Amino acid sequence: MATALTSIGEIETQLAELRIDPETGAPFQRTSVITHIAWVPEEWVAAAEDVLAGLAERHPSRTIVLVPAPGEEDELEAGVEIDCYPVGDGRAVCVETIRIRLGGAHASAPASVVQPLLIPDLPVFLRWRGQPPFGSDELDQLVDVVDRLIVDSTEWPELPAAYGKLAELFDRVAVSDIAWARTSRWRLQLASLWPGIADVKRIRVSGTAAQAQLLAGWLRSRLGREIELEHEPADRLEGVEIDGEPAPFPPGDPPEPAELLSDELDRFGRDPIYEAAVKAAAGAA
């Protein structure tokens, strides 16, 4: 990090200084539309930075990147950046990024760190990289201060069992799943086959475990009965068979990671169809 800041006060002071235009001496106009918190364990830092770079111009925000380091000393280490992008007519949108390494006990008490940094009256989104530690202090605290939790169950090793734990959060916070978003083209394609698939007994999915489980859960929840799932592992959703018959490949190209996250940042309410699919997937565990 370019500047080592060790307290919330220092972070706020640095933000105020960076908001001043060095040419005019006037503060930049704040253009944030959300506060975006990202919980990023060490192994996810590189991937998270790639996505954030592609997100900046789509969603001007205050982004707070939290990197937990529970094995280190009880201290904060933070850095602040403000990047502005021209949008025409002499105007610009500015993105504030605060990166905070949560050392020692701070890793299990993140709410006390982020709450003073939230922008009042703006929605707060939490992107959790990797499988959340369900029932942990850090997850429970952050869920209580955000409007939406965004996960990607493609990153989870414990499927479909983890879906049951995720479902326990549905009444506490709206949940988005990027793995679910990646199935949207295929769900539309399969729905177009109705009523020809009304009697489906088996679905075979070539894709990630999350995509397979969610597609099967979606069909189970829509049809109200059990459907057998066969899963052929692949890095992306490559094909679906219904009772042995290949489904037509949907048109279009898969969206990029930044685009997927950007779309989820535009959603504010609960998604009952996704929630039903998750519960049906968990029930088959």
C-alpha atoms as a PDB file:
ATOM      1  CA  MET A   1       0.000   0.000   0.000  1.00  0.00           C
ATOM      2  CA  ALA A   2       1.284   3.443  -0.932  1.00  0.00           C
ATOM      3  CA  THR A   3       0.504   5.076   2.407  1.00  0.00           C
ATOM      4  CA  ALA A   4       0.387   3.176   5.696  1.00  0.00           C
ATOM      5  CA  LEU A   5      -2.623   4.369   7.692  1.00  0.00           C
ATOM      6  CA  THR A   6      -3.331   2.754  11.031  1.00  0.00           C
ATOM      7  CA  SER A   7      -6.624   4.238  12.247  1.00  0.00           C
ATOM      8  CA  ILE A   8     -10.076   5.223  10.981  1.00  0.00           C
ATOM      9  CA  GLY A   9      -9.228   8.857  11.720  1.00  0.00           C
ATOM     10  CA  GLU A  10      -6.180   8.703   9.475  1.00  0.00           C
ATOM     11  CA  ILE A  11      -8.233   7.090   6.705  1.00  0.00           C
ATOM     12  CA  GLU A  12     -10.869   9.849   6.888  1.00  0.00           C
ATOM     13  CA  THR A  13      -8.193  12.556   6.874  1.00  0.00           C
ATOM     14  CA  GLN A  14      -6.515  11.025   3.827  1.00  0.00           C
ATOM     15  CA  LEU A  15      -9.859  10.814   1.989  1.00  0.00           C
ATOM     16  CA  ALA A  16     -10.538  14.487   2.670  1.00  0.00           C
ATOM     17  CA  GLU A  17      -7.092  15.500   1.390  1.00  0.00           C
ATOM     18  CA  LEU A  18      -7.369  13.416  -1.774  1.00  0.00           C
ATOM     19  CA  ARG A  19     -10.768  14.931  -2.610  1.00  0.00           C
ATOM     20  CA  ILE A  20      -9.146  18.325  -3.161  1.00  0.00           C
ATOM     21  CA  ASP A  21      -8.406  19.153  -6.803  1.00  0.00           C
ATOM     22  CA  PRO A  22      -4.728  20.236  -6.818  1.00  0.00           C
ATOM     23  CA  GLU A  23      -5.373  22.597  -9.753  1.00  0.00           C
ATOM     24  CA  THR A  24      -8.387  24.472  -8.366  1.00  0.00           C
ATOM     25  CA  GLY A  25      -8.162  23.820  -4.633  1.00  0.00           C
ATOM     26  CA  ALA A  26     -11.848  22.878  -4.684  1.00  0.00           C
ATOM     27  CA  PRO A  27     -13.101  19.461  -3.571  1.00  0.00           C
ATOM     28  CA  PHE A  28     -14.087  16.932  -6.199  1.00  0.00           C
ATOM     29  CA  GLN A  29     -17.825  16.425  -6.388  1.00  0.00           C
ATOM     30  CA  ARG A  30     -18.730  13.125  -4.756  1.00  0.00           C
ATOM     31  CA  THR A  31     -20.320  10.818  -7.347  1.00  0.00           C
ATOM     32  CA  SER A  32     -20.661   7.620  -5.337  1.00  0.00           C
ATOM     33  CA  VAL A  33     -23.960   5.771  -5.734  1.00  0.00           C
ATOM     34  CA  ILE A  34     -23.174   2.901  -3.351  1.00  0.00           C
ATOM     35  CA  THR A  35     -20.763   1.739  -0.682  1.00  0.00           C
ATOM     36  CA  HIS A  36     -19.195  -1.495  -1.845  1.00  0.00           C
ATOM     37  CA  ILE A  37     -17.478  -3.662   0.762  1.00  0.00           C
ATOM     38  CA  ALA A  38     -15.338  -6.549  -0.461  1.00  0.00           C
ATOM     39  CA  TRP A  39     -14.184  -9.281   1.940  1.00  0.00           C
ATOM     40  CA  VAL A  40     -11.071 -10.631   0.262  1.00  0.00           C
ATOM     41  CA  PRO A  41      -8.973 -13.344   1.917  1.00  0.00           C
ATOM     42  CA  GLU A  42      -5.333 -13.323   0.815  1.00  0.00           C
ATOM     43  CA  GLU A  43      -5.749 -16.016  -1.845  1.00  0.00           C
ATOM     44  CA  TRP A  44      -8.454 -13.950  -3.595  1.00  0.00           C
ATOM     45  CA  VAL A  45      -6.668 -10.573  -3.693  1.00  0.00           C
ATOM     46  CA  ALA A  46      -5.383 -10.761  -7.290  1.00  0.00           C
ATOM     47  CA  ALA A  47      -8.737 -11.902  -8.695  1.00  0.00           C
ATOM     48  CA  ALA A  48     -10.612  -9.249  -6.724  1.00  0.00           C
ATOM     49  CA  GLU A  49      -8.358  -6.450  -7.973  1.00  0.00           C
ATOM     50  CA  ASP A  50      -8.950  -7.504 -11.596  1.00  0.00           C
ATOM     51  CA  VAL A  51     -12.720  -7.304 -11.107  1.00  0.00           C
ATOM     52  CA  LEU A  52     -12.562  -3.972  -9.261  1.00  0.00           C
ATOM     53  CA  ALA A  53     -10.531  -2.463 -12.098  1.00  0.00           C
ATOM     54  CA  GLY A  54     -13.280  -3.349 -14.561  1.00  0.00           C
ATOM     55  CA  LEU A  55     -16.031  -2.135 -12.244  1.00  0.00           C
ATOM     56  CA  ALA A  56     -14.836   1.380 -11.477  1.00  0.00           C
ATOM     57  CA  GLU A  57     -16.405   3.293 -14.369  1.00  0.00           C
ATOM     58  CA  ARG A  58     -19.641   1.277 -14.298  1.00  0.00           C
ATOM     59  CA  HIS A  59     -20.442   1.972 -10.639  1.00  0.00           C
ATOM     60  CA  PRO A  60     -18.856   5.017  -9.035  1.00  0.00           C
ATOM     61  CA  SER A  61     -18.639   4.005  -5.410  1.00  0.00           C
ATOM     62  CA  ARG A  62     -16.722   4.038  -2.209  1.00  0.00           C
ATOM     63  CA  THR A  63     -15.148   0.595  -2.190  1.00  0.00           C
ATOM     64  CA  ILE A  64     -13.776  -0.793   1.061  1.00  0.00           C
ATOM     65  CA  VAL A  65     -11.561  -3.819   0.474  1.00  0.00           C
ATOM     66  CA  LEU A  66     -11.064  -5.850   3.653  1.00  0.00           C
ATOM     67  CA  VAL A  67      -8.171  -8.327   3.699  1.00  0.00           C
ATOM     68  CA  PRO A  68      -8.357 -10.442   6.887  1.00  0.00           C
ATOM     69  CA  ALA A  69      -5.054 -11.435   8.462  1.00  0.00           C
ATOM     70  CA  PRO A  70      -6.063 -13.114  11.744  1.00  0.00           C
ATOM     71  CA  GLY A  71      -2.586 -14.578  12.302  1.00  0.00           C
ATOM     72  CA  GLU A  72      -0.886 -11.169  12.391  1.00  0.00           C
ATOM     73  CA  GLU A  73      -0.612  -8.511  15.099  1.00  0.00           C
ATOM     74  CA  ASP A  74      -3.719  -6.608  16.228  1.00  0.00           C
ATOM     75  CA  GLU A  75      -3.389  -3.633  13.939  1.00  0.00           C
ATOM     76  CA  LEU A  76      -4.841  -2.000  10.851  1.00  0.00           C
ATOM     77  CA  GLU A  77      -2.846  -1.196   7.751  1.00  0.00           C
ATOM     78  CA  ALA A  78      -4.742   0.858   5.195  1.00  0.00           C
ATOM     79  CA  GLY A  79      -4.291   2.782   1.976  1.00  0.00           C
ATOM     80  CA  VAL A  80      -6.619   5.173   0.151  1.00  0.00           C
ATOM     81  CA  GLU A  81      -6.947   6.021  -3.550  1.00  0.00           C
ATOM     82  CA  ILE A  82      -9.282   8.283  -5.495  1.00  0.00           C
ATOM     83  CA  ASP A  83      -9.482   7.786  -9.262  1.00  0.00           C
ATOM     84  CA  CYS A  84     -11.482  10.089 -11.532  1.00  0.00           C
ATOM     85  CA  TYR A  85     -12.739   9.235 -15.019  1.00  0.00           C
ATOM     86  CA  PRO A  86     -13.894  11.865 -17.550  1.00  0.00           C
ATOM     87  CA  VAL A  87     -17.481  11.423 -18.760  1.00  0.00           C
ATOM     88  CA  GLY A  88     -17.707  14.409 -21.127  1.00  0.00           C
ATOM     89  CA  ASP A  89     -18.684  18.078 -20.840  1.00  0.00           C
ATOM     90  CA  GLY A  90     -15.767  18.614 -18.467  1.00  0.00           C
ATOM     91  CA  ARG A  91     -17.338  16.319 -15.893  1.00  0.00           C
ATOM     92  CA  ALA A  92     -15.820  13.292 -14.182  1.00  0.00           C
ATOM     93  CA  VAL A  93     -16.876  10.486 -11.898  1.00  0.00           C
ATOM     94  CA  CYS A  94     -14.610   9.680  -8.989  1.00  0.00           C
ATOM     95  CA  VAL A  95     -14.129   6.329  -7.293  1.00  0.00           C
ATOM     96  CA  GLU A  96     -12.819   6.044  -3.738  1.00  0.00           C
ATOM     97  CA  THR A  97     -11.001   2.837  -2.840  1.00  0.00           C
ATOM     98  CA  ILE A  98      -9.977   2.051   0.719  1.00  0.00           C
ATOM     99  CA  ARG A  99      -7.890  -1.080   1.219  1.00  0.00           C
ATOM    100  CA  ILE A 100      -7.613  -2.276   4.808  1.00  0.00           C
ATOM    101  CA  ARG A 101      -5.603  -5.189   6.133  1.00  0.00           C
ATOM    102  CA  LEU A 102      -7.318  -6.447   9.297  1.00  0.00           C
ATOM    103  CA  GLY A 103      -4.590  -7.815  11.546  1.00  0.00           C
ATOM    104  CA  GLY A 104      -5.281 -10.119  14.489  1.00  0.00           C
ATOM    105  CA  ALA A 105      -8.503  -9.423  16.415  1.00  0.00           C
ATOM    106  CA  HIS A 106      -9.616  -6.841  13.841  1.00  0.00           C
ATOM    107  CA  ALA A 107     -10.287  -9.721  11.419  1.00  0.00           C
ATOM    108  CA  SER A 108     -13.154 -10.946  13.607  1.00  0.00           C
ATOM    109  CA  ALA A 109     -14.583  -7.448  14.292  1.00  0.00           C
ATOM    110  CA  PRO A 110     -14.880  -5.849  10.823  1.00  0.00           C
ATOM    111  CA  ALA A 111     -18.143  -3.985  11.453  1.00  0.00           C
ATOM    112  CA  SER A 112     -16.448  -1.583  13.877  1.00  0.00           C
ATOM    113  CA  VAL A 113     -13.971  -0.754  11.115  1.00  0.00           C
ATOM    114  CA  VAL A 114     -16.359  -0.263   8.197  1.00  0.00           C
ATOM    115  CA  GLN A 115     -19.305   1.456   9.880  1.00  0.00           C
ATOM    116  CA  PRO A 116     -17.575   4.845  10.304  1.00  0.00           C
ATOM    117  CA  LEU A 117     -16.572   4.694   6.616  1.00  0.00           C
ATOM    118  CA  LEU A 118     -20.039   4.049   5.153  1.00  0.00           C
ATOM    119  CA  ILE A 119     -21.526   6.918   3.147  1.00  0.00           C
ATOM    120  CA  PRO A 120     -24.841   7.937   4.767  1.00  0.00           C
ATOM    121  CA  ASP A 121     -28.093   7.283   2.884  1.00  0.00           C
ATOM    122  CA  LEU A 122     -26.474   5.118   0.201  1.00  0.00           C
ATOM    123  CA  PRO A 123     -27.051   1.361  -0.185  1.00  0.00           C
ATOM    124  CA  VAL A 124     -24.300  -0.924   1.084  1.00  0.00           C
ATOM    125  CA  PHE A 125     -23.263  -4.086  -0.745  1.00  0.00           C
ATOM    126  CA  LEU A 126     -20.933  -6.811   0.504  1.00  0.00           C
ATOM    127  CA  ARG A 127     -19.020  -9.001  -1.961  1.00  0.00           C
ATOM    128  CA  TRP A 128     -17.645 -12.049  -0.146  1.00  0.00           C
ATOM    129  CA  ARG A 129     -14.867 -13.890  -1.941  1.00  0.00           C
ATOM    130  CA  GLY A 130     -14.677 -17.625  -1.298  1.00  0.00           C
ATOM    131  CA  GLN A 131     -17.108 -19.600   0.837  1.00  0.00           C
ATOM    132  CA  PRO A 132     -18.356 -17.512   3.778  1.00  0.00           C
ATOM    133  CA  PRO A 133     -17.655 -18.972   7.239  1.00  0.00           C
ATOM    134  CA  PHE A 134     -21.344 -19.356   8.078  1.00  0.00           C
ATOM    135  CA  GLY A 135     -22.094 -18.587  11.726  1.00  0.00           C
ATOM    136  CA  SER A 136     -18.826 -16.680  12.228  1.00  0.00           C
ATOM    137  CA  ASP A 137     -18.645 -13.299  13.970  1.00  0.00           C
ATOM    138  CA  GLU A 138     -17.171 -11.567  10.949  1.00  0.00           C
ATOM    139  CA  LEU A 139     -19.925 -12.701   8.576  1.00  0.00           C
ATOM    140  CA  ASP A 140     -22.752 -12.033  11.043  1.00  0.00           C
ATOM    141  CA  GLN A 141     -21.456  -8.531  11.798  1.00  0.00           C
ATOM    142  CA  LEU A 142     -21.166  -7.507   8.166  1.00  0.00           C
ATOM    143  CA  VAL A 143     -24.513  -9.020   7.184  1.00  0.00           C
ATOM    144  CA  ASP A 144     -26.110  -6.788   9.810  1.00  0.00           C
ATOM    145  CA  VAL A 145     -24.729  -3.567   8.273  1.00  0.00           C
ATOM    146  CA  VAL A 146     -25.289  -4.231   4.547  1.00  0.00           C
ATOM    147  CA  ASP A 147     -28.310  -4.253   2.242  1.00  0.00           C
ATOM    148  CA  ARG A 148     -27.127  -7.061  -0.029  1.00  0.00           C
ATOM    149  CA  LEU A 149     -24.666  -9.934   0.207  1.00  0.00           C
ATOM    150  CA  ILE A 150     -23.061 -10.947  -3.088  1.00  0.00           C
ATOM    151  CA  VAL A 151     -21.376 -14.344  -3.315  1.00  0.00           C
ATOM    152  CA  ASP A 152     -20.161 -16.636  -6.065  1.00  0.00           C
ATOM    153  CA  SER A 153     -20.887 -20.207  -5.057  1.00  0.00           C
ATOM    154  CA  THR A 154     -18.595 -21.334  -7.891  1.00  0.00           C
ATOM    155  CA  GLU A 155     -15.856 -20.554  -5.346  1.00  0.00           C
ATOM    156  CA  TRP A 156     -17.289 -22.914  -2.716  1.00  0.00           C
ATOM    157  CA  PRO A 157     -15.921 -26.413  -2.055  1.00  0.00           C
ATOM    158  CA  GLU A 158     -18.889 -27.667  -0.003  1.00  0.00           C
ATOM    159  CA  LEU A 159     -21.767 -28.032  -2.458  1.00  0.00           C
ATOM    160  CA  PRO A 160     -24.650 -28.530  -2.208  1.00  0.00           C
ATOM    161  CA  ALA A 161     -24.429 -28.647   1.617  1.00  0.00           C
ATOM    162  CA  ALA A 162     -23.343 -24.978   1.885  1.00  0.00           C
ATOM    163  CA  TYR A 163     -26.574 -23.887   0.185  1.00  0.00           C
ATOM    164  CA  GLY A 164     -28.505 -24.937   3.276  1.00  0.00           C
ATOM    165  CA  LYS A 165     -26.391 -22.602   5.401  1.00  0.00           C
ATOM    166  CA  LEU A 166     -26.775 -19.793   2.869  1.00  0.00           C
ATOM    167  CA  ALA A 167     -30.563 -20.188   2.936  1.00  0.00           C
ATOM    168  CA  GLU A 168     -30.529 -19.370   6.659  1.00  0.00           C
ATOM    169  CA  LEU A 169     -29.446 -15.817   5.743  1.00  0.00           C
ATOM    170  CA  PHE A 170     -32.309 -15.095   3.334  1.00  0.00           C
ATOM    171  CA  ASP A 171     -34.531 -13.484   5.976  1.00  0.00           C
ATOM    172  CA  ARG A 172     -31.661 -11.288   7.195  1.00  0.00           C
ATOM    173  CA  VAL A 173     -30.224  -9.887   3.968  1.00  0.00           C
ATOM    174  CA  ALA A 174     -30.913  -9.939   0.238  1.00  0.00           C
ATOM    175  CA  VAL A 175     -28.504 -12.364  -1.464  1.00  0.00           C
ATOM    176  CA  SER A 176     -27.079 -12.436  -4.990  1.00  0.00           C
ATOM    177  CA  ASP A 177     -25.021 -15.287  -6.410  1.00  0.00           C
ATOM    178  CA  ILE A 178     -22.818 -14.706  -9.441  1.00  0.00           C
ATOM    179  CA  ALA A 179     -22.947 -18.446 -10.172  1.00  0.00           C
ATOM    180  CA  TRP A 180     -26.733 -18.073 -10.516  1.00  0.00           C
ATOM    181  CA  ALA A 181     -26.291 -15.098 -12.842  1.00  0.00           C
ATOM    182  CA  ARG A 182     -24.059 -17.219 -15.065  1.00  0.00           C
ATOM    183  CA  THR A 183     -26.953 -19.645 -15.600  1.00  0.00           C
ATOM    184  CA  SER A 184     -29.399 -16.964 -16.771  1.00  0.00           C
ATOM    185  CA  ARG A 185     -28.981 -17.616 -20.511  1.00  0.00           C
ATOM    186  CA  TRP A 186     -29.510 -21.336 -19.983  1.00  0.00           C
ATOM    187  CA  ARG A 187     -32.554 -20.826 -17.745  1.00  0.00           C
ATOM    188  CA  LEU A 188     -34.168 -18.701 -20.437  1.00  0.00           C
ATOM    189  CA  GLN A 189     -33.339 -21.331 -23.045  1.00  0.00           C
ATOM    190  CA  LEU A 190     -34.739 -24.180 -20.963  1.00  0.00           C
ATOM    191  CA  ALA A 191     -37.877 -22.195 -20.146  1.00  0.00           C
ATOM    192  CA  SER A 192     -38.445 -21.717 -23.892  1.00  0.00           C
ATOM    193  CA  LEU A 193     -38.721 -25.515 -24.214  1.00  0.00           C
ATOM    194  CA  TRP A 194     -41.833 -25.565 -22.025  1.00  0.00           C
ATOM    195  CA  PRO A 195     -44.079 -27.598 -21.972  1.00  0.00           C
ATOM    196  CA  GLY A 196     -41.786 -30.125 -23.635  1.00  0.00           C
ATOM    197  CA  ILE A 197     -39.677 -30.409 -20.484  1.00  0.00           C
ATOM    198  CA  ALA A 198     -42.607 -30.632 -18.051  1.00  0.00           C
ATOM    199  CA  ASP A 199     -41.988 -34.350 -17.512  1.00  0.00           C
ATOM    200  CA  VAL A 200     -38.200 -34.148 -17.223  1.00  0.00           C
ATOM    201  CA  LYS A 201     -36.702 -36.797 -14.935  1.00  0.00           C
ATOM    202  CA  ARG A 202     -32.960 -36.174 -15.373  1.00  0.00           C
ATOM    203  CA  ILE A 203     -30.747 -33.212 -16.154  1.00  0.00           C
ATOM    204  CA  ARG A 204     -27.095 -33.488 -17.102  1.00  0.00           C
ATOM    205  CA  VAL A 205     -25.000 -30.341 -16.784  1.00  0.00           C
ATOM    206  CA  SER A 206     -21.490 -29.790 -18.129  1.00  0.00           C
ATOM    207  CA  GLY A 207     -20.219 -26.884 -16.052  1.00  0.00           C
ATOM    208  CA  THR A 208     -19.167 -25.964 -12.552  1.00  0.00           C
ATOM    209  CA  ALA A 209     -20.662 -27.725  -9.548  1.00  0.00           C
ATOM    210  CA  ALA A 210     -22.535 -24.553  -8.604  1.00  0.00           C
ATOM    211  CA  GLN A 211     -24.081 -24.177 -12.050  1.00  0.00           C
ATOM    212  CA  ALA A 212     -25.159 -27.820 -12.049  1.00  0.00           C
ATOM    213  CA  GLN A 213     -26.656 -27.674  -8.554  1.00  0.00           C
ATOM    214  CA  LEU A 214     -28.465 -24.385  -9.181  1.00  0.00           C
ATOM    215  CA  LEU A 215     -29.940 -25.437 -12.514  1.00  0.00           C
ATOM    216  CA  ALA A 216     -31.182 -28.689 -11.003  1.00  0.00           C
ATOM    217  CA  GLY A 217     -32.521 -26.813  -7.974  1.00  0.00           C
ATOM    218  CA  TRP A 218     -34.276 -24.339 -10.243  1.00  0.00           C
ATOM    219  CA  LEU A 219     -36.040 -27.107 -12.155  1.00  0.00           C
ATOM    220  CA  ARG A 220     -36.976 -28.918  -8.936  1.00  0.00           C
ATOM    221  CA  SER A 221     -38.421 -25.753  -7.401  1.00  0.00           C
ATOM    222  CA  ARG A 222     -40.349 -24.806 -10.561  1.00  0.00           C
ATOM    223  CA  LEU A 223     -41.763 -28.295 -11.128  1.00  0.00           C
ATOM    224  CA  GLY A 224     -42.270 -29.114  -7.453  1.00  0.00           C
ATOM    225  CA  ARG A 225     -40.666 -32.553  -7.566  1.00  0.00           C
ATOM    226  CA  GLU A 226     -37.359 -34.379  -7.530  1.00  0.00           C
ATOM    227  CA  ILE A 227     -35.139 -34.399 -10.632  1.00  0.00           C
ATOM    228  CA  GLU A 228     -31.971 -36.465 -10.936  1.00  0.00           C
ATOM    229  CA  LEU A 229     -28.785 -34.503 -11.544  1.00  0.00           C
ATOM    230  CA  GLU A 230     -25.755 -35.738 -13.462  1.00  0.00           C
ATOM    231  CA  HIS A 231     -22.762 -33.410 -13.372  1.00  0.00           C
ATOM    232  CA  GLU A 232     -19.843 -33.353 -15.782  1.00  0.00           C
ATOM    233  CA  PRO A 233     -17.214 -30.957 -14.329  1.00  0.00           C
ATOM    234  CA  ALA A 234     -16.097 -28.075 -16.554  1.00  0.00           C
ATOM    235  CA  ASP A 235     -14.752 -24.579 -15.937  1.00  0.00           C
ATOM    236  CA  ARG A 236     -17.797 -22.955 -17.539  1.00  0.00           C
ATOM    237  CA  LEU A 237     -21.335 -23.926 -18.496  1.00  0.00           C
ATOM    238  CA  GLU A 238     -20.794 -25.851 -21.722  1.00  0.00           C
ATOM    239  CA  GLY A 239     -23.997 -27.819 -22.180  1.00  0.00           C
ATOM    240  CA  VAL A 240     -27.221 -29.174 -20.721  1.00  0.00           C
ATOM    241  CA  GLU A 241     -29.052 -32.393 -21.523  1.00  0.00           C
ATOM    242  CA  ILE A 242     -32.671 -33.076 -20.637  1.00  0.00           C
ATOM    243  CA  ASP A 243     -33.386 -36.806 -20.300  1.00  0.00           C
ATOM    244  CA  GLY A 244     -30.444 -37.481 -22.588  1.00  0.00           C
ATOM    245  CA  GLU A 245     -31.369 -34.895 -25.240  1.00  0.00           C
ATOM    246  CA  PRO A 246     -29.012 -31.900 -25.660  1.00  0.00           C
ATOM    247  CA  ALA A 247     -30.708 -28.565 -25.121  1.00  0.00           C
ATOM    248  CA  PRO A 248     -30.067 -25.931 -27.812  1.00  0.00           C
ATOM    249  CA  PHE A 249     -27.108 -23.725 -26.970  1.00  0.00           C
ATOM    250  CA  PRO A 250     -28.310 -20.237 -25.942  1.00  0.00           C
ATOM    251  CA  PRO A 251     -27.340 -17.223 -28.064  1.00  0.00           C
ATOM    252  CA  GLY A 252     -24.824 -14.612 -26.960  1.00  0.00           C
ATOM    253  CA  ASP A 253     -21.538 -14.717 -25.095  1.00  0.00           C
ATOM    254  CA  PRO A 254     -20.997 -15.286 -21.370  1.00  0.00           C
ATOM    255  CA  PRO A 255     -20.586 -11.951 -19.520  1.00  0.00           C
ATOM    256  CA  GLU A 256     -17.272 -10.885 -18.022  1.00  0.00           C
ATOM    257  CA  PRO A 257     -16.753 -11.024 -14.209  1.00  0.00           C
ATOM    258  CA  ALA A 258     -16.895  -7.227 -13.775  1.00  0.00           C
ATOM    259  CA  GLU A 259     -20.117  -7.119 -15.795  1.00  0.00           C
ATOM    260  CA  LEU A 260     -21.677  -9.826 -13.630  1.00  0.00           C
ATOM    261  CA  LEU A 261     -20.800  -7.993 -10.421  1.00  0.00           C
ATOM    262  CA  SER A 262     -21.990  -4.700 -11.896  1.00  0.00           C
ATOM    263  CA  ASP A 263     -25.379  -6.233 -12.679  1.00  0.00           C
ATOM    264  CA  GLU A 264     -25.729  -7.492  -9.107  1.00  0.00           C
ATOM    265  CA  LEU A 265     -24.978  -4.001  -7.786  1.00  0.00           C
ATOM    266  CA  ASP A 266     -28.082  -2.809  -9.645  1.00  0.00           C
ATOM    267  CA  ARG A 267     -30.374  -5.180  -7.740  1.00  0.00           C
ATOM    268  CA  PHE A 268     -31.995  -4.182  -4.475  1.00  0.00           C
ATOM    269  CA  GLY A 269     -34.764  -6.656  -3.634  1.00  0.00           C
ATOM    270  CA  ARG A 270     -34.775 -10.331  -2.811  1.00  0.00           C
ATOM    271  CA  ASP A 271     -34.894 -12.903  -5.618  1.00  0.00           C
ATOM    272  CA  PRO A 272     -37.513 -15.517  -4.640  1.00  0.00           C
ATOM    273  CA  ILE A 273     -36.753 -17.745  -7.639  1.00  0.00           C
ATOM    274  CA  TYR A 274     -33.071 -17.920  -6.704  1.00  0.00           C
ATOM    275  CA  GLU A 275     -33.923 -18.541  -3.053  1.00  0.00           C
ATOM    276  CA  ALA A 276     -36.244 -21.408  -4.036  1.00  0.00           C
ATOM    277  CA  ALA A 277     -33.538 -22.906  -6.267  1.00  0.00           C
ATOM    278  CA  VAL A 278     -30.984 -22.751  -3.441  1.00  0.00           C
ATOM    279  CA  LYS A 279     -33.375 -24.436  -1.003  1.00  0.00           C
ATOM    280  CA  ALA A 280     -34.192 -27.157  -3.526  1.00  0.00           C
ATOM    281  CA  ALA A 281     -30.481 -27.732  -4.203  1.00  0.00           C
ATOM    282  CA  ALA A 282     -29.783 -27.959  -0.472  1.00  0.00           C
ATOM    283  CA  GLY A 283     -32.666 -30.365   0.022  1.00  0.00           C
ATOM    284  CA  ALA A 284     -31.039 -32.815  -2.382  1.00  0.00           C
ATOM    285  CA  ALA A 285     -27.803 -32.908  -0.369  1.00  0.00           C
END
